[in-house]
Amino acid sequence: MDNHPKHITNPEWKEIVAVAVVREALGLEDDSDPEDFASRVFGAKFAFVSGGPGYVGDIYILQGDALSEVPPVVLRRDLDGQLLVC
């Protein structure tokens, strides 16, 4: 099992900023640029494998630039490959 963080690609950032909950939680405008957003938050992707029956796939963890504000946002893919907030 490889539990080290992976790089989030530009197409993945574009998907992430399209998620309404992410935009709301991190104060993004509807027309926010994915590259600008990626430069202002901490983000990592993990190849997640559940320890029991459950999820296997990419997990994205995002944190704004303040630990006292919004808690981290965790995203995973549903069975159709769409991102959802955990």
C-alpha atoms as a PDB file:
ATOM      1  CA  MET A   1       0.000   0.000   0.000  1.00  0.00           C
ATOM      2  CA  ASP A   2       1.312   3.438  -0.945  1.00  0.00           C
ATOM      3  CA  ASN A   3      -0.028   5.959   1.585  1.00  0.00           C
ATOM      4  CA  HIS A   4       2.158   8.891   0.519  1.00  0.00           C
ATOM      5  CA  PRO A   5       0.554  12.086  -0.864  1.00  0.00           C
ATOM      6  CA  LYS A   6       0.341  12.520  -4.616  1.00  0.00           C
ATOM      7  CA  HIS A   7       0.314  15.646  -6.791  1.00  0.00           C
ATOM      8  CA  ILE A   8      -3.119  17.004  -7.763  1.00  0.00           C
ATOM      9  CA  THR A   9      -3.135  17.609 -11.522  1.00  0.00           C
ATOM     10  CA  ASN A  10      -4.544  20.722 -13.227  1.00  0.00           C
ATOM     11  CA  PRO A  11      -7.582  18.801 -14.572  1.00  0.00           C
ATOM     12  CA  GLU A  12      -8.259  17.524 -11.038  1.00  0.00           C
ATOM     13  CA  TRP A  13      -8.066  21.076  -9.632  1.00  0.00           C
ATOM     14  CA  LYS A  14     -10.611  22.097 -12.262  1.00  0.00           C
ATOM     15  CA  GLU A  15     -12.950  19.325 -11.058  1.00  0.00           C
ATOM     16  CA  ILE A  16     -12.393  20.292  -7.425  1.00  0.00           C
ATOM     17  CA  VAL A  17     -13.287  23.971  -7.891  1.00  0.00           C
ATOM     18  CA  ALA A  18     -16.466  22.899  -9.695  1.00  0.00           C
ATOM     19  CA  VAL A  19     -17.784  21.287  -6.477  1.00  0.00           C
ATOM     20  CA  ALA A  20     -20.249  23.726  -4.892  1.00  0.00           C
ATOM     21  CA  VAL A  21     -19.411  22.699  -1.310  1.00  0.00           C
ATOM     22  CA  VAL A  22     -15.711  23.379  -1.933  1.00  0.00           C
ATOM     23  CA  ARG A  23     -16.473  26.816  -3.385  1.00  0.00           C
ATOM     24  CA  GLU A  24     -18.731  27.657  -0.445  1.00  0.00           C
ATOM     25  CA  ALA A  25     -16.414  26.313   2.271  1.00  0.00           C
ATOM     26  CA  LEU A  26     -13.339  28.078   0.938  1.00  0.00           C
ATOM     27  CA  GLY A  27     -15.036  31.284  -0.201  1.00  0.00           C
ATOM     28  CA  LEU A  28     -14.592  30.898  -3.959  1.00  0.00           C
ATOM     29  CA  GLU A  29     -16.505  32.815  -6.592  1.00  0.00           C
ATOM     30  CA  ASP A  30     -18.264  30.800  -9.299  1.00  0.00           C
ATOM     31  CA  ASP A  31     -15.670  31.893 -11.864  1.00  0.00           C
ATOM     32  CA  SER A  32     -12.593  31.108  -9.715  1.00  0.00           C
ATOM     33  CA  ASP A  33      -9.529  30.014 -11.637  1.00  0.00           C
ATOM     34  CA  PRO A  34      -8.371  26.475 -10.680  1.00  0.00           C
ATOM     35  CA  GLU A  35      -4.672  27.420 -10.872  1.00  0.00           C
ATOM     36  CA  ASP A  36      -5.172  30.453  -8.635  1.00  0.00           C
ATOM     37  CA  PHE A  37      -7.143  28.341  -6.165  1.00  0.00           C
ATOM     38  CA  ALA A  38      -4.416  25.666  -6.148  1.00  0.00           C
ATOM     39  CA  SER A  39      -1.838  28.312  -5.278  1.00  0.00           C
ATOM     40  CA  ARG A  40      -3.857  29.467  -2.226  1.00  0.00           C
ATOM     41  CA  VAL A  41      -4.710  26.165  -0.511  1.00  0.00           C
ATOM     42  CA  PHE A  42      -2.886  23.106   0.693  1.00  0.00           C
ATOM     43  CA  GLY A  43      -4.018  20.052  -1.231  1.00  0.00           C
ATOM     44  CA  ALA A  44      -2.990  16.442  -1.541  1.00  0.00           C
ATOM     45  CA  LYS A  45      -4.305  13.350  -3.238  1.00  0.00           C
ATOM     46  CA  PHE A  46      -3.981   9.881  -1.773  1.00  0.00           C
ATOM     47  CA  ALA A  47      -4.521   6.472  -3.376  1.00  0.00           C
ATOM     48  CA  PHE A  48      -6.837   5.337  -0.596  1.00  0.00           C
ATOM     49  CA  VAL A  49      -7.481   1.683   0.251  1.00  0.00           C
ATOM     50  CA  SER A  50     -10.010   1.064   3.016  1.00  0.00           C
ATOM     51  CA  GLY A  51      -8.941  -1.216   5.867  1.00  0.00           C
ATOM     52  CA  GLY A  52     -12.286  -3.000   5.642  1.00  0.00           C
ATOM     53  CA  PRO A  53     -15.108  -3.195   3.172  1.00  0.00           C
ATOM     54  CA  GLY A  54     -15.484   0.259   1.757  1.00  0.00           C
ATOM     55  CA  TYR A  55     -13.836   2.767  -0.503  1.00  0.00           C
ATOM     56  CA  VAL A  56     -10.829   2.190  -2.744  1.00  0.00           C
ATOM     57  CA  GLY A  57      -9.732   5.120  -4.907  1.00  0.00           C
ATOM     58  CA  ASP A  58      -8.529   8.699  -4.836  1.00  0.00           C
ATOM     59  CA  ILE A  59      -9.079  10.844  -1.741  1.00  0.00           C
ATOM     60  CA  TYR A  60      -8.406  14.599  -1.911  1.00  0.00           C
ATOM     61  CA  ILE A  61      -7.736  16.624   1.227  1.00  0.00           C
ATOM     62  CA  LEU A  62      -7.822  20.422   1.036  1.00  0.00           C
ATOM     63  CA  GLN A  63      -6.978  22.968   3.710  1.00  0.00           C
ATOM     64  CA  GLY A  64      -7.157  26.732   3.419  1.00  0.00           C
ATOM     65  CA  ASP A  65      -4.352  28.946   4.659  1.00  0.00           C
ATOM     66  CA  ALA A  66      -5.732  29.230   8.210  1.00  0.00           C
ATOM     67  CA  LEU A  67      -6.080  26.336  10.633  1.00  0.00           C
ATOM     68  CA  SER A  68      -8.480  28.281  12.850  1.00  0.00           C
ATOM     69  CA  GLU A  69     -11.043  28.816  10.092  1.00  0.00           C
ATOM     70  CA  VAL A  70     -12.696  26.180   7.910  1.00  0.00           C
ATOM     71  CA  PRO A  71     -11.835  22.543   8.690  1.00  0.00           C
ATOM     72  CA  PRO A  72     -10.188  20.438   5.974  1.00  0.00           C
ATOM     73  CA  VAL A  73     -12.383  19.391   3.068  1.00  0.00           C
ATOM     74  CA  VAL A  74     -12.170  15.721   2.085  1.00  0.00           C
ATOM     75  CA  LEU A  75     -13.382  14.536  -1.313  1.00  0.00           C
ATOM     76  CA  ARG A  76     -13.743  11.095  -2.858  1.00  0.00           C
ATOM     77  CA  ARG A  77     -15.284   9.734  -6.044  1.00  0.00           C
ATOM     78  CA  ASP A  78     -18.696   8.093  -6.250  1.00  0.00           C
ATOM     79  CA  LEU A  79     -19.379   4.983  -8.346  1.00  0.00           C
ATOM     80  CA  ASP A  80     -19.800   7.188 -11.441  1.00  0.00           C
ATOM     81  CA  GLY A  81     -16.444   8.928 -10.861  1.00  0.00           C
ATOM     82  CA  GLN A  82     -17.929  12.253  -9.683  1.00  0.00           C
ATOM     83  CA  LEU A  83     -16.308  14.041  -6.750  1.00  0.00           C
ATOM     84  CA  LEU A  84     -18.262  14.212  -3.513  1.00  0.00           C
ATOM     85  CA  VAL A  85     -17.528  15.649  -0.116  1.00  0.00           C
ATOM     86  CA  CYS A  86     -16.998  13.054   2.617  1.00  0.00           C
END
